[in-house]
């Protein structure tokens, strides 16, 4: 059942990637993030460093590359081990994300990074 789900998701993922306007942040694909630019639509927020986020400010929205993660973690039974591996992959991906933002043509306009995800409660 699980392998069938992975096969179907592997076919659907490229379409999701295209229609959601996601971008890979590295060519080597060592990052678990895919991103897209978005405009903030909420109320004004002050970040801990004093940065003010206002309506229509440009943000980077990060998406976990779920199919990649699931394929890499599918043979690991322990939720703790999965959590550790996701943490390690996140640590590897963050400098790649920072470099992507620094080199982006709209780097001076990008005010922050947002992301929402749901992971297994044990992780």
PDB file of N, CA and C in Angstrom:
ATOM      1  N   UNK A   1       0.825  -1.201   0.000  1.00  0.00           N
ATOM      2  CA  UNK A   1       0.000   0.000   0.000  1.00  0.00           C
ATOM      3  C   UNK A   1       0.867   1.263   0.000  1.00  0.00           C
ATOM      4  N   UNK A   2       1.883   1.252   0.884  1.00  0.00           N
ATOM      5  CA  UNK A   2       2.763   2.413   0.994  1.00  0.00           C
ATOM      6  C   UNK A   2       3.531   2.668  -0.294  1.00  0.00           C
ATOM      7  N   UNK A   3       4.030   1.598  -0.931  1.00  0.00           N
ATOM      8  CA  UNK A   3       4.783   1.781  -2.173  1.00  0.00           C
ATOM      9  C   UNK A   3       3.872   2.267  -3.299  1.00  0.00           C
ATOM     10  N   UNK A   4       2.623   1.849  -3.280  1.00  0.00           N
ATOM     11  CA  UNK A   4       1.654   2.329  -4.266  1.00  0.00           C
ATOM     12  C   UNK A   4       1.421   3.838  -4.087  1.00  0.00           C
ATOM     13  N   UNK A   5       1.254   4.242  -2.826  1.00  0.00           N
ATOM     14  CA  UNK A   5       1.072   5.664  -2.507  1.00  0.00           C
ATOM     15  C   UNK A   5       2.277   6.477  -2.968  1.00  0.00           C
ATOM     16  N   UNK A   6       3.497   5.965  -2.705  1.00  0.00           N
ATOM     17  CA  UNK A   6       4.714   6.666  -3.125  1.00  0.00           C
ATOM     18  C   UNK A   6       4.793   6.780  -4.644  1.00  0.00           C
ATOM     19  N   UNK A   7       4.403   5.728  -5.339  1.00  0.00           N
ATOM     20  CA  UNK A   7       4.423   5.762  -6.804  1.00  0.00           C
ATOM     21  C   UNK A   7       3.465   6.814  -7.345  1.00  0.00           C
ATOM     22  N   UNK A   8       2.264   6.850  -6.784  1.00  0.00           N
ATOM     23  CA  UNK A   8       1.271   7.836  -7.228  1.00  0.00           C
ATOM     24  C   UNK A   8       1.753   9.247  -6.918  1.00  0.00           C
ATOM     25  N   UNK A   9       2.261   9.454  -5.698  1.00  0.00           N
ATOM     26  CA  UNK A   9       2.738  10.773  -5.298  1.00  0.00           C
ATOM     27  C   UNK A   9       3.924  11.206  -6.160  1.00  0.00           C
ATOM     28  N   UNK A  10       4.790  10.271  -6.520  1.00  0.00           N
ATOM     29  CA  UNK A  10       5.939  10.603  -7.375  1.00  0.00           C
ATOM     30  C   UNK A  10       5.497  11.106  -8.745  1.00  0.00           C
ATOM     31  N   UNK A  11       4.355  10.597  -9.214  1.00  0.00           N
ATOM     32  CA  UNK A  11       3.819  11.049 -10.498  1.00  0.00           C
ATOM     33  C   UNK A  11       3.149  12.416 -10.354  1.00  0.00           C
ATOM     34  N   UNK A  12       2.443  12.617  -9.249  1.00  0.00           N
ATOM     35  CA  UNK A  12       1.704  13.864  -9.029  1.00  0.00           C
ATOM     36  C   UNK A  12       2.621  15.017  -8.635  1.00  0.00           C
ATOM     37  N   UNK A  13       3.705  14.743  -7.923  1.00  0.00           N
ATOM     38  CA  UNK A  13       4.578  15.792  -7.383  1.00  0.00           C
ATOM     39  C   UNK A  13       5.103  16.774  -8.434  1.00  0.00           C
ATOM     40  N   UNK A  14       5.557  16.338  -9.612  1.00  0.00           N
ATOM     41  CA  UNK A  14       6.024  17.319 -10.604  1.00  0.00           C
ATOM     42  C   UNK A  14       4.930  18.308 -11.029  1.00  0.00           C
ATOM     43  N   UNK A  15       3.690  17.838 -11.084  1.00  0.00           N
ATOM     44  CA  UNK A  15       2.582  18.739 -11.416  1.00  0.00           C
ATOM     45  C   UNK A  15       2.337  19.733 -10.290  1.00  0.00           C
ATOM     46  N   UNK A  16       2.375  19.234  -9.051  1.00  0.00           N
ATOM     47  CA  UNK A  16       2.231  20.113  -7.889  1.00  0.00           C
ATOM     48  C   UNK A  16       3.348  21.155  -7.893  1.00  0.00           C
ATOM     49  N   UNK A  17       4.570  20.719  -8.146  1.00  0.00           N
ATOM     50  CA  UNK A  17       5.742  21.599  -8.191  1.00  0.00           C
ATOM     51  C   UNK A  17       5.527  22.709  -9.219  1.00  0.00           C
ATOM     52  N   UNK A  18       5.046  22.335 -10.393  1.00  0.00           N
ATOM     53  CA  UNK A  18       4.835  23.308 -11.462  1.00  0.00           C
ATOM     54  C   UNK A  18       3.704  24.281 -11.133  1.00  0.00           C
ATOM     55  N   UNK A  19       2.544  23.775 -10.755  1.00  0.00           N
ATOM     56  CA  UNK A  19       1.373  24.621 -10.551  1.00  0.00           C
ATOM     57  C   UNK A  19       1.448  25.456  -9.276  1.00  0.00           C
ATOM     58  N   UNK A  20       2.260  25.046  -8.318  1.00  0.00           N
ATOM     59  CA  UNK A  20       2.410  25.855  -7.100  1.00  0.00           C
ATOM     60  C   UNK A  20       3.560  26.856  -7.224  1.00  0.00           C
ATOM     61  N   UNK A  21       4.200  26.894  -8.389  1.00  0.00           N
ATOM     62  CA  UNK A  21       5.282  27.834  -8.692  1.00  0.00           C
ATOM     63  C   UNK A  21       6.461  27.701  -7.731  1.00  0.00           C
ATOM     64  N   UNK A  22       6.758  26.480  -7.340  1.00  0.00           N
ATOM     65  CA  UNK A  22       7.886  26.237  -6.451  1.00  0.00           C
ATOM     66  C   UNK A  22       9.199  26.297  -7.224  1.00  0.00           C
ATOM     67  N   UNK A  23      10.270  26.568  -6.489  1.00  0.00           N
ATOM     68  CA  UNK A  23      11.609  26.628  -7.056  1.00  0.00           C
ATOM     69  C   UNK A  23      12.533  25.792  -6.190  1.00  0.00           C
ATOM     70  N   UNK A  24      13.374  24.990  -6.825  1.00  0.00           N
ATOM     71  CA  UNK A  24      14.427  24.290  -6.090  1.00  0.00           C
ATOM     72  C   UNK A  24      15.494  25.310  -5.725  1.00  0.00           C
ATOM     73  N   UNK A  25      16.045  25.218  -4.529  1.00  0.00           N
ATOM     74  CA  UNK A  25      17.024  26.218  -4.122  1.00  0.00           C
ATOM     75  C   UNK A  25      18.461  25.787  -4.388  1.00  0.00           C
ATOM     76  N   UNK A  26      18.658  24.536  -4.812  1.00  0.00           N
ATOM     77  CA  UNK A  26      20.009  24.107  -5.177  1.00  0.00           C
ATOM     78  C   UNK A  26      19.940  23.056  -6.269  1.00  0.00           C
ATOM     79  N   UNK A  27      20.927  23.075  -7.127  1.00  0.00           N
ATOM     80  CA  UNK A  27      20.970  22.133  -8.248  1.00  0.00           C
ATOM     81  C   UNK A  27      21.358  20.719  -7.799  1.00  0.00           C
ATOM     82  N   UNK A  28      22.149  20.623  -6.737  1.00  0.00           N
ATOM     83  CA  UNK A  28      22.596  19.307  -6.268  1.00  0.00           C
ATOM     84  C   UNK A  28      21.484  18.549  -5.552  1.00  0.00           C
ATOM     85  N   UNK A  29      20.407  19.238  -5.239  1.00  0.00           N
ATOM     86  CA  UNK A  29      19.242  18.687  -4.563  1.00  0.00           C
ATOM     87  C   UNK A  29      19.580  18.093  -3.193  1.00  0.00           C
ATOM     88  N   UNK A  30      20.549  18.701  -2.505  1.00  0.00           N
ATOM     89  CA  UNK A  30      20.851  18.258  -1.150  1.00  0.00           C
ATOM     90  C   UNK A  30      19.928  18.929  -0.142  1.00  0.00           C
ATOM     91  N   UNK A  31      19.206  19.957  -0.558  1.00  0.00           N
ATOM     92  CA  UNK A  31      18.276  20.658   0.320  1.00  0.00           C
ATOM     93  C   UNK A  31      16.925  19.961   0.335  1.00  0.00           C
ATOM     94  N   UNK A  32      16.252  20.036   1.482  1.00  0.00           N
ATOM     95  CA  UNK A  32      14.904  19.477   1.575  1.00  0.00           C
ATOM     96  C   UNK A  32      13.848  20.553   1.369  1.00  0.00           C
ATOM     97  N   UNK A  33      14.290  21.771   1.025  1.00  0.00           N
ATOM     98  CA  UNK A  33      13.352  22.874   0.821  1.00  0.00           C
ATOM     99  C   UNK A  33      13.116  23.151  -0.657  1.00  0.00           C
ATOM    100  N   UNK A  34      11.875  23.492  -0.951  1.00  0.00           N
ATOM    101  CA  UNK A  34      11.504  24.125  -2.205  1.00  0.00           C
ATOM    102  C   UNK A  34      10.807  25.409  -1.781  1.00  0.00           C
ATOM    103  N   UNK A  35      10.941  26.454  -2.557  1.00  0.00           N
ATOM    104  CA  UNK A  35      10.450  27.759  -2.112  1.00  0.00           C
ATOM    105  C   UNK A  35       9.670  28.466  -3.205  1.00  0.00           C
ATOM    106  N   UNK A  36       8.966  29.513  -2.782  1.00  0.00           N
ATOM    107  CA  UNK A  36       8.373  30.455  -3.725  1.00  0.00           C
ATOM    108  C   UNK A  36       8.213  31.787  -3.013  1.00  0.00           C
ATOM    109  N   UNK A  37       8.241  32.838  -3.804  1.00  0.00           N
ATOM    110  CA  UNK A  37       7.993  34.166  -3.266  1.00  0.00           C
ATOM    111  C   UNK A  37       6.499  34.338  -3.048  1.00  0.00           C
ATOM    112  N   UNK A  38       6.144  35.029  -1.994  1.00  0.00           N
ATOM    113  CA  UNK A  38       4.745  35.313  -1.716  1.00  0.00           C
ATOM    114  C   UNK A  38       4.651  36.695  -1.099  1.00  0.00           C
ATOM    115  N   UNK A  39       3.479  37.239  -1.110  1.00  0.00           N
ATOM    116  CA  UNK A  39       3.241  38.541  -0.467  1.00  0.00           C
ATOM    117  C   UNK A  39       2.470  38.315   0.815  1.00  0.00           C
ATOM    118  N   UNK A  40       2.888  38.997   1.857  1.00  0.00           N
ATOM    119  CA  UNK A  40       2.248  38.868   3.160  1.00  0.00           C
ATOM    120  C   UNK A  40       0.882  39.535   3.135  1.00  0.00           C
ATOM    121  N   UNK A  41      -0.131  38.864   3.684  1.00  0.00           N
ATOM    122  CA  UNK A  41      -1.505  39.379   3.653  1.00  0.00           C
ATOM    123  C   UNK A  41      -2.100  39.588   5.048  1.00  0.00           C
ATOM    124  N   UNK A  42      -1.311  39.381   6.084  1.00  0.00           N
ATOM    125  CA  UNK A  42      -1.844  39.488   7.443  1.00  0.00           C
ATOM    126  C   UNK A  42      -1.690  40.868   8.039  1.00  0.00           C
ATOM    127  N   UNK A  43      -1.898  40.924   9.353  1.00  0.00           N
ATOM    128  CA  UNK A  43      -1.725  42.185  10.083  1.00  0.00           C
ATOM    129  C   UNK A  43      -0.235  42.448  10.284  1.00  0.00           C
ATOM    130  N   UNK A  44       0.110  43.684  10.561  1.00  0.00           N
ATOM    131  CA  UNK A  44       1.508  44.038  10.778  1.00  0.00           C
ATOM    132  C   UNK A  44       2.095  43.233  11.939  1.00  0.00           C
ATOM    133  N   UNK A  45       3.337  42.770  11.739  1.00  0.00           N
ATOM    134  CA  UNK A  45       4.022  41.949  12.734  1.00  0.00           C
ATOM    135  C   UNK A  45       5.425  42.501  12.910  1.00  0.00           C
ATOM    136  N   UNK A  46       5.902  42.546  14.159  1.00  0.00           N
ATOM    137  CA  UNK A  46       7.277  42.934  14.440  1.00  0.00           C
ATOM    138  C   UNK A  46       8.038  41.679  14.844  1.00  0.00           C
ATOM    139  N   UNK A  47       9.106  41.364  14.113  1.00  0.00           N
ATOM    140  CA  UNK A  47       9.916  40.189  14.414  1.00  0.00           C
ATOM    141  C   UNK A  47      10.843  40.476  15.589  1.00  0.00           C
ATOM    142  N   UNK A  48      11.452  39.430  16.126  1.00  0.00           N
ATOM    143  CA  UNK A  48      12.304  39.578  17.310  1.00  0.00           C
ATOM    144  C   UNK A  48      13.508  40.486  17.060  1.00  0.00           C
ATOM    145  N   UNK A  49      13.945  40.608  15.781  1.00  0.00           N
ATOM    146  CA  UNK A  49      15.081  41.490  15.483  1.00  0.00           C
ATOM    147  C   UNK A  49      14.639  42.916  15.169  1.00  0.00           C
ATOM    148  N   UNK A  50      13.329  43.191  15.309  1.00  0.00           N
ATOM    149  CA  UNK A  50      12.812  44.531  15.065  1.00  0.00           C
ATOM    150  C   UNK A  50      12.280  44.750  13.660  1.00  0.00           C
ATOM    151  N   UNK A  51      12.444  43.784  12.771  1.00  0.00           N
ATOM    152  CA  UNK A  51      11.939  43.906  11.405  1.00  0.00           C
ATOM    153  C   UNK A  51      10.416  43.970  11.424  1.00  0.00           C
ATOM    154  N   UNK A  52       9.862  44.920  10.696  1.00  0.00           N
ATOM    155  CA  UNK A  52       8.413  45.076  10.601  1.00  0.00           C
ATOM    156  C   UNK A  52       7.929  44.437   9.310  1.00  0.00           C
ATOM    157  N   UNK A  53       6.996  43.502   9.424  1.00  0.00           N
ATOM    158  CA  UNK A  53       6.379  42.865   8.259  1.00  0.00           C
ATOM    159  C   UNK A  53       4.995  43.478   8.091  1.00  0.00           C
ATOM    160  N   UNK A  54       4.784  44.071   6.932  1.00  0.00           N
ATOM    161  CA  UNK A  54       3.506  44.727   6.632  1.00  0.00           C
ATOM    162  C   UNK A  54       2.829  44.042   5.451  1.00  0.00           C
ATOM    163  N   UNK A  55       1.573  44.370   5.255  1.00  0.00           N
ATOM    164  CA  UNK A  55       0.814  43.826   4.146  1.00  0.00           C
ATOM    165  C   UNK A  55       1.552  44.080   2.833  1.00  0.00           C
ATOM    166  N   UNK A  56       1.620  43.061   1.987  1.00  0.00           N
ATOM    167  CA  UNK A  56       2.262  43.070   0.669  1.00  0.00           C
ATOM    168  C   UNK A  56       3.785  43.038   0.693  1.00  0.00           C
ATOM    169  N   UNK A  57       4.407  42.885   1.871  1.00  0.00           N
ATOM    170  CA  UNK A  57       5.850  42.673   1.903  1.00  0.00           C
ATOM    171  C   UNK A  57       6.162  41.317   1.278  1.00  0.00           C
ATOM    172  N   UNK A  58       7.341  41.200   0.672  1.00  0.00           N
ATOM    173  CA  UNK A  58       7.755  39.960   0.012  1.00  0.00           C
ATOM    174  C   UNK A  58       8.378  39.025   1.047  1.00  0.00           C
ATOM    175  N   UNK A  59       7.893  37.788   1.048  1.00  0.00           N
ATOM    176  CA  UNK A  59       8.415  36.740   1.919  1.00  0.00           C
ATOM    177  C   UNK A  59       8.777  35.525   1.077  1.00  0.00           C
ATOM    178  N   UNK A  60       9.651  34.697   1.614  1.00  0.00           N
ATOM    179  CA  UNK A  60       9.944  33.397   1.010  1.00  0.00           C
ATOM    180  C   UNK A  60       9.112  32.370   1.773  1.00  0.00           C
ATOM    181  N   UNK A  61       8.332  31.604   1.044  1.00  0.00           N
ATOM    182  CA  UNK A  61       7.546  30.536   1.654  1.00  0.00           C
ATOM    183  C   UNK A  61       8.259  29.224   1.381  1.00  0.00           C
ATOM    184  N   UNK A  62       8.652  28.527   2.446  1.00  0.00           N
ATOM    185  CA  UNK A  62       9.361  27.265   2.261  1.00  0.00           C
ATOM    186  C   UNK A  62       8.385  26.096   2.326  1.00  0.00           C
ATOM    187  N   UNK A  63       8.651  25.121   1.487  1.00  0.00           N
ATOM    188  CA  UNK A  63       7.897  23.876   1.465  1.00  0.00           C
ATOM    189  C   UNK A  63       8.893  22.739   1.633  1.00  0.00           C
ATOM    190  N   UNK A  64       8.594  21.807   2.507  1.00  0.00           N
ATOM    191  CA  UNK A  64       9.428  20.617   2.582  1.00  0.00           C
ATOM    192  C   UNK A  64       9.215  19.799   1.317  1.00  0.00           C
ATOM    193  N   UNK A  65      10.288  19.230   0.831  1.00  0.00           N
ATOM    194  CA  UNK A  65      10.205  18.353  -0.334  1.00  0.00           C
ATOM    195  C   UNK A  65       9.786  16.975   0.197  1.00  0.00           C
ATOM    196  N   UNK A  66       8.481  16.844   0.461  1.00  0.00           N
ATOM    197  CA  UNK A  66       7.940  15.690   1.180  1.00  0.00           C
ATOM    198  C   UNK A  66       8.232  14.355   0.511  1.00  0.00           C
ATOM    199  N   UNK A  67       8.068  14.258  -0.790  1.00  0.00           N
ATOM    200  CA  UNK A  67       8.279  12.973  -1.461  1.00  0.00           C
ATOM    201  C   UNK A  67       9.739  12.550  -1.329  1.00  0.00           C
ATOM    202  N   UNK A  68      10.644  13.507  -1.400  1.00  0.00           N
ATOM    203  CA  UNK A  68      12.065  13.211  -1.223  1.00  0.00           C
ATOM    204  C   UNK A  68      12.322  12.703   0.189  1.00  0.00           C
ATOM    205  N   UNK A  69      11.759  13.389   1.183  1.00  0.00           N
ATOM    206  CA  UNK A  69      11.934  12.973   2.571  1.00  0.00           C
ATOM    207  C   UNK A  69      11.340  11.587   2.826  1.00  0.00           C
ATOM    208  N   UNK A  70      10.147  11.365   2.341  1.00  0.00           N
ATOM    209  CA  UNK A  70       9.484  10.078   2.576  1.00  0.00           C
ATOM    210  C   UNK A  70      10.292   8.942   1.960  1.00  0.00           C
ATOM    211  N   UNK A  71      10.805   9.142   0.763  1.00  0.00           N
ATOM    212  CA  UNK A  71      11.620   8.109   0.124  1.00  0.00           C
ATOM    213  C   UNK A  71      12.889   7.829   0.922  1.00  0.00           C
ATOM    214  N   UNK A  72      13.498   8.882   1.455  1.00  0.00           N
ATOM    215  CA  UNK A  72      14.735   8.708   2.208  1.00  0.00           C
ATOM    216  C   UNK A  72      14.486   8.097   3.587  1.00  0.00           C
ATOM    217  N   UNK A  73      13.303   8.312   4.144  1.00  0.00           N
ATOM    218  CA  UNK A  73      13.012   7.848   5.501  1.00  0.00           C
ATOM    219  C   UNK A  73      12.129   6.608   5.544  1.00  0.00           C
ATOM    220  N   UNK A  74      11.739   6.076   4.407  1.00  0.00           N
ATOM    221  CA  UNK A  74      10.736   5.005   4.387  1.00  0.00           C
ATOM    222  C   UNK A  74      11.177   3.717   5.079  1.00  0.00           C
ATOM    223  N   UNK A  75      12.458   3.439   5.150  1.00  0.00           N
ATOM    224  CA  UNK A  75      12.924   2.200   5.781  1.00  0.00           C
ATOM    225  C   UNK A  75      13.298   2.376   7.246  1.00  0.00           C
ATOM    226  N   UNK A  76      13.078   3.578   7.774  1.00  0.00           N
ATOM    227  CA  UNK A  76      13.422   3.840   9.173  1.00  0.00           C
ATOM    228  C   UNK A  76      12.153   3.749  10.009  1.00  0.00           C
ATOM    229  N   UNK A  77      12.139   2.824  10.943  1.00  0.00           N
ATOM    230  CA  UNK A  77      10.950   2.577  11.760  1.00  0.00           C
ATOM    231  C   UNK A  77      10.847   3.527  12.953  1.00  0.00           C
ATOM    232  N   UNK A  78      11.959   3.898  13.525  1.00  0.00           N
ATOM    233  CA  UNK A  78      11.966   4.700  14.747  1.00  0.00           C
ATOM    234  C   UNK A  78      11.607   6.160  14.472  1.00  0.00           C
ATOM    235  N   UNK A  79      10.580   6.647  15.160  1.00  0.00           N
ATOM    236  CA  UNK A  79      10.180   8.048  15.019  1.00  0.00           C
ATOM    237  C   UNK A  79      11.289   8.979  15.492  1.00  0.00           C
ATOM    238  N   UNK A  80      12.020   8.568  16.517  1.00  0.00           N
ATOM    239  CA  UNK A  80      13.123   9.392  17.031  1.00  0.00           C
ATOM    240  C   UNK A  80      14.221   9.492  15.976  1.00  0.00           C
ATOM    241  N   UNK A  81      14.566   8.381  15.363  1.00  0.00           N
ATOM    242  CA  UNK A  81      15.601   8.394  14.320  1.00  0.00           C
ATOM    243  C   UNK A  81      15.160   9.246  13.133  1.00  0.00           C
ATOM    244  N   UNK A  82      13.878   9.150  12.771  1.00  0.00           N
ATOM    245  CA  UNK A  82      13.355   9.993  11.690  1.00  0.00           C
ATOM    246  C   UNK A  82      13.476  11.468  12.044  1.00  0.00           C
ATOM    247  N   UNK A  83      13.142  11.799  13.270  1.00  0.00           N
ATOM    248  CA  UNK A  83      13.252  13.184  13.735  1.00  0.00           C
ATOM    249  C   UNK A  83      14.672  13.689  13.662  1.00  0.00           C
ATOM    250  N   UNK A  84      15.609  12.859  14.078  1.00  0.00           N
ATOM    251  CA  UNK A  84      17.026  13.238  14.041  1.00  0.00           C
ATOM    252  C   UNK A  84      17.472  13.478  12.598  1.00  0.00           C
ATOM    253  N   UNK A  85      17.070  12.592  11.694  1.00  0.00           N
ATOM    254  CA  UNK A  85      17.460  12.756  10.287  1.00  0.00           C
ATOM    255  C   UNK A  85      16.832  13.996   9.666  1.00  0.00           C
ATOM    256  N   UNK A  86      15.572  14.274   9.971  1.00  0.00           N
ATOM    257  CA  UNK A  86      14.935  15.491   9.450  1.00  0.00           C
ATOM    258  C   UNK A  86      15.646  16.725  10.009  1.00  0.00           C
ATOM    259  N   UNK A  87      15.995  16.687  11.284  1.00  0.00           N
ATOM    260  CA  UNK A  87      16.743  17.793  11.889  1.00  0.00           C
ATOM    261  C   UNK A  87      18.079  17.993  11.178  1.00  0.00           C
ATOM    262  N   UNK A  88      18.803  16.899  10.927  1.00  0.00           N
ATOM    263  CA  UNK A  88      20.100  16.994  10.244  1.00  0.00           C
ATOM    264  C   UNK A  88      19.937  17.552   8.830  1.00  0.00           C
ATOM    265  N   UNK A  89      18.935  17.087   8.121  1.00  0.00           N
ATOM    266  CA  UNK A  89      18.703  17.571   6.763  1.00  0.00           C
ATOM    267  C   UNK A  89      18.299  19.044   6.754  1.00  0.00           C
ATOM    268  N   UNK A  90      17.562  19.460   7.783  1.00  0.00           N
ATOM    269  CA  UNK A  90      17.206  20.873   7.918  1.00  0.00           C
ATOM    270  C   UNK A  90      18.453  21.712   8.167  1.00  0.00           C
ATOM    271  N   UNK A  91      19.335  21.223   9.026  1.00  0.00           N
ATOM    272  CA  UNK A  91      20.590  21.949   9.302  1.00  0.00           C
ATOM    273  C   UNK A  91      21.447  22.087   8.046  1.00  0.00           C
ATOM    274  N   UNK A  92      21.446  21.074   7.204  1.00  0.00           N
ATOM    275  CA  UNK A  92      22.189  21.132   5.941  1.00  0.00           C
ATOM    276  C   UNK A  92      21.517  22.113   4.981  1.00  0.00           C
ATOM    277  N   UNK A  93      20.186  22.161   5.007  1.00  0.00           N
ATOM    278  CA  UNK A  93      19.424  22.971   4.050  1.00  0.00           C
ATOM    279  C   UNK A  93      19.409  24.463   4.373  1.00  0.00           C
ATOM    280  N   UNK A  94      19.535  24.830   5.644  1.00  0.00           N
ATOM    281  CA  UNK A  94      19.429  26.249   6.024  1.00  0.00           C
ATOM    282  C   UNK A  94      20.508  27.131   5.384  1.00  0.00           C
ATOM    283  N   UNK A  95      21.784  26.743   5.388  1.00  0.00           N
ATOM    284  CA  UNK A  95      22.775  27.592   4.706  1.00  0.00           C
ATOM    285  C   UNK A  95      22.520  27.693   3.198  1.00  0.00           C
ATOM    286  N   UNK A  96      21.990  26.638   2.604  1.00  0.00           N
ATOM    287  CA  UNK A  96      21.655  26.665   1.179  1.00  0.00           C
ATOM    288  C   UNK A  96      20.529  27.667   0.949  1.00  0.00           C
ATOM    289  N   UNK A  97      19.539  27.675   1.850  1.00  0.00           N
ATOM    290  CA  UNK A  97      18.443  28.638   1.771  1.00  0.00           C
ATOM    291  C   UNK A  97      18.963  30.066   1.921  1.00  0.00           C
ATOM    292  N   UNK A  98      19.854  30.284   2.885  1.00  0.00           N
ATOM    293  CA  UNK A  98      20.425  31.625   3.092  1.00  0.00           C
ATOM    294  C   UNK A  98      21.174  32.100   1.844  1.00  0.00           C
ATOM    295  N   UNK A  99      21.939  31.212   1.236  1.00  0.00           N
ATOM    296  CA  UNK A  99      22.671  31.568   0.016  1.00  0.00           C
ATOM    297  C   UNK A  99      21.702  31.872  -1.128  1.00  0.00           C
ATOM    298  N   UNK A 100      20.639  31.084  -1.236  1.00  0.00           N
ATOM    299  CA  UNK A 100      19.629  31.318  -2.268  1.00  0.00           C
ATOM    300  C   UNK A 100      19.036  32.720  -2.122  1.00  0.00           C
ATOM    301  N   UNK A 101      18.705  33.090  -0.897  1.00  0.00           N
ATOM    302  CA  UNK A 101      18.111  34.409  -0.651  1.00  0.00           C
ATOM    303  C   UNK A 101      19.117  35.514  -0.951  1.00  0.00           C
ATOM    304  N   UNK A 102      20.356  35.355  -0.520  1.00  0.00           N
ATOM    305  CA  UNK A 102      21.390  36.367  -0.770  1.00  0.00           C
ATOM    306  C   UNK A 102      21.604  36.603  -2.259  1.00  0.00           C
ATOM    307  N   UNK A 103      21.501  35.544  -3.057  1.00  0.00           N
ATOM    308  CA  UNK A 103      21.757  35.646  -4.494  1.00  0.00           C
ATOM    309  C   UNK A 103      20.500  35.921  -5.310  1.00  0.00           C
ATOM    310  N   UNK A 104      19.350  35.989  -4.663  1.00  0.00           N
ATOM    311  CA  UNK A 104      18.094  36.213  -5.373  1.00  0.00           C
ATOM    312  C   UNK A 104      18.034  37.641  -5.898  1.00  0.00           C
ATOM    313  N   UNK A 105      17.429  37.825  -7.073  1.00  0.00           N
ATOM    314  CA  UNK A 105      17.352  39.169  -7.667  1.00  0.00           C
ATOM    315  C   UNK A 105      16.507  40.127  -6.831  1.00  0.00           C
ATOM    316  N   UNK A 106      15.634  39.610  -5.984  1.00  0.00           N
ATOM    317  CA  UNK A 106      14.818  40.454  -5.106  1.00  0.00           C
ATOM    318  C   UNK A 106      15.277  40.371  -3.647  1.00  0.00           C
ATOM    319  N   UNK A 107      16.540  40.057  -3.443  1.00  0.00           N
ATOM    320  CA  UNK A 107      17.061  39.872  -2.086  1.00  0.00           C
ATOM    321  C   UNK A 107      16.810  41.087  -1.197  1.00  0.00           C
ATOM    322  N   UNK A 108      16.901  42.282  -1.765  1.00  0.00           N
ATOM    323  CA  UNK A 108      16.715  43.491  -0.969  1.00  0.00           C
ATOM    324  C   UNK A 108      15.252  43.703  -0.560  1.00  0.00           C
ATOM    325  N   UNK A 109      14.322  43.002  -1.216  1.00  0.00           N
ATOM    326  CA  UNK A 109      12.905  43.141  -0.901  1.00  0.00           C
ATOM    327  C   UNK A 109      12.397  42.045   0.052  1.00  0.00           C
ATOM    328  N   UNK A 110      13.103  40.924   0.135  1.00  0.00           N
ATOM    329  CA  UNK A 110      12.652  39.790   0.940  1.00  0.00           C
ATOM    330  C   UNK A 110      12.813  40.117   2.420  1.00  0.00           C
ATOM    331  N   UNK A 111      11.691  40.102   3.139  1.00  0.00           N
ATOM    332  CA  UNK A 111      11.684  40.492   4.552  1.00  0.00           C
ATOM    333  C   UNK A 111      11.754  39.327   5.518  1.00  0.00           C
ATOM    334  N   UNK A 112      11.399  38.123   5.084  1.00  0.00           N
ATOM    335  CA  UNK A 112      11.393  37.002   6.009  1.00  0.00           C
ATOM    336  C   UNK A 112      11.093  35.688   5.312  1.00  0.00           C
ATOM    337  N   UNK A 113      11.047  34.649   6.129  1.00  0.00           N
ATOM    338  CA  UNK A 113      10.774  33.295   5.655  1.00  0.00           C
ATOM    339  C   UNK A 113       9.594  32.759   6.448  1.00  0.00           C
ATOM    340  N   UNK A 114       8.652  32.149   5.742  1.00  0.00           N
ATOM    341  CA  UNK A 114       7.524  31.514   6.416  1.00  0.00           C
ATOM    342  C   UNK A 114       7.403  30.078   5.930  1.00  0.00           C
ATOM    343  N   UNK A 115       6.836  29.246   6.762  1.00  0.00           N
ATOM    344  CA  UNK A 115       6.604  27.865   6.379  1.00  0.00           C
ATOM    345  C   UNK A 115       5.672  27.194   7.366  1.00  0.00           C
ATOM    346  N   UNK A 116       4.847  26.339   6.854  1.00  0.00           N
ATOM    347  CA  UNK A 116       3.916  25.582   7.682  1.00  0.00           C
ATOM    348  C   UNK A 116       4.048  24.127   7.273  1.00  0.00           C
ATOM    349  N   UNK A 117       4.140  23.257   8.240  1.00  0.00           N
ATOM    350  CA  UNK A 117       4.203  21.837   7.928  1.00  0.00           C
ATOM    351  C   UNK A 117       3.605  21.036   9.070  1.00  0.00           C
ATOM    352  N   UNK A 118       3.261  19.833   8.770  1.00  0.00           N
ATOM    353  CA  UNK A 118       2.805  18.887   9.784  1.00  0.00           C
ATOM    354  C   UNK A 118       3.684  17.664   9.692  1.00  0.00           C
ATOM    355  N   UNK A 119       4.333  17.354  10.778  1.00  0.00           N
ATOM    356  CA  UNK A 119       5.147  16.158  10.855  1.00  0.00           C
ATOM    357  C   UNK A 119       4.472  15.175  11.800  1.00  0.00           C
ATOM    358  N   UNK A 120       4.882  13.933  11.729  1.00  0.00           N
ATOM    359  CA  UNK A 120       4.374  12.915  12.636  1.00  0.00           C
ATOM    360  C   UNK A 120       4.596  13.365  14.070  1.00  0.00           C
ATOM    361  N   UNK A 121       3.608  13.196  14.933  1.00  0.00           N
ATOM    362  CA  UNK A 121       3.683  13.715  16.299  1.00  0.00           C
ATOM    363  C   UNK A 121       4.888  13.179  17.059  1.00  0.00           C
ATOM    364  N   UNK A 122       5.314  11.962  16.745  1.00  0.00           N
ATOM    365  CA  UNK A 122       6.497  11.404  17.411  1.00  0.00           C
ATOM    366  C   UNK A 122       7.789  12.058  16.986  1.00  0.00           C
ATOM    367  N   UNK A 123       7.793  12.611  15.802  1.00  0.00           N
ATOM    368  CA  UNK A 123       8.990  13.272  15.285  1.00  0.00           C
ATOM    369  C   UNK A 123       9.119  14.647  15.907  1.00  0.00           C
TER     370      UNK A 123
END
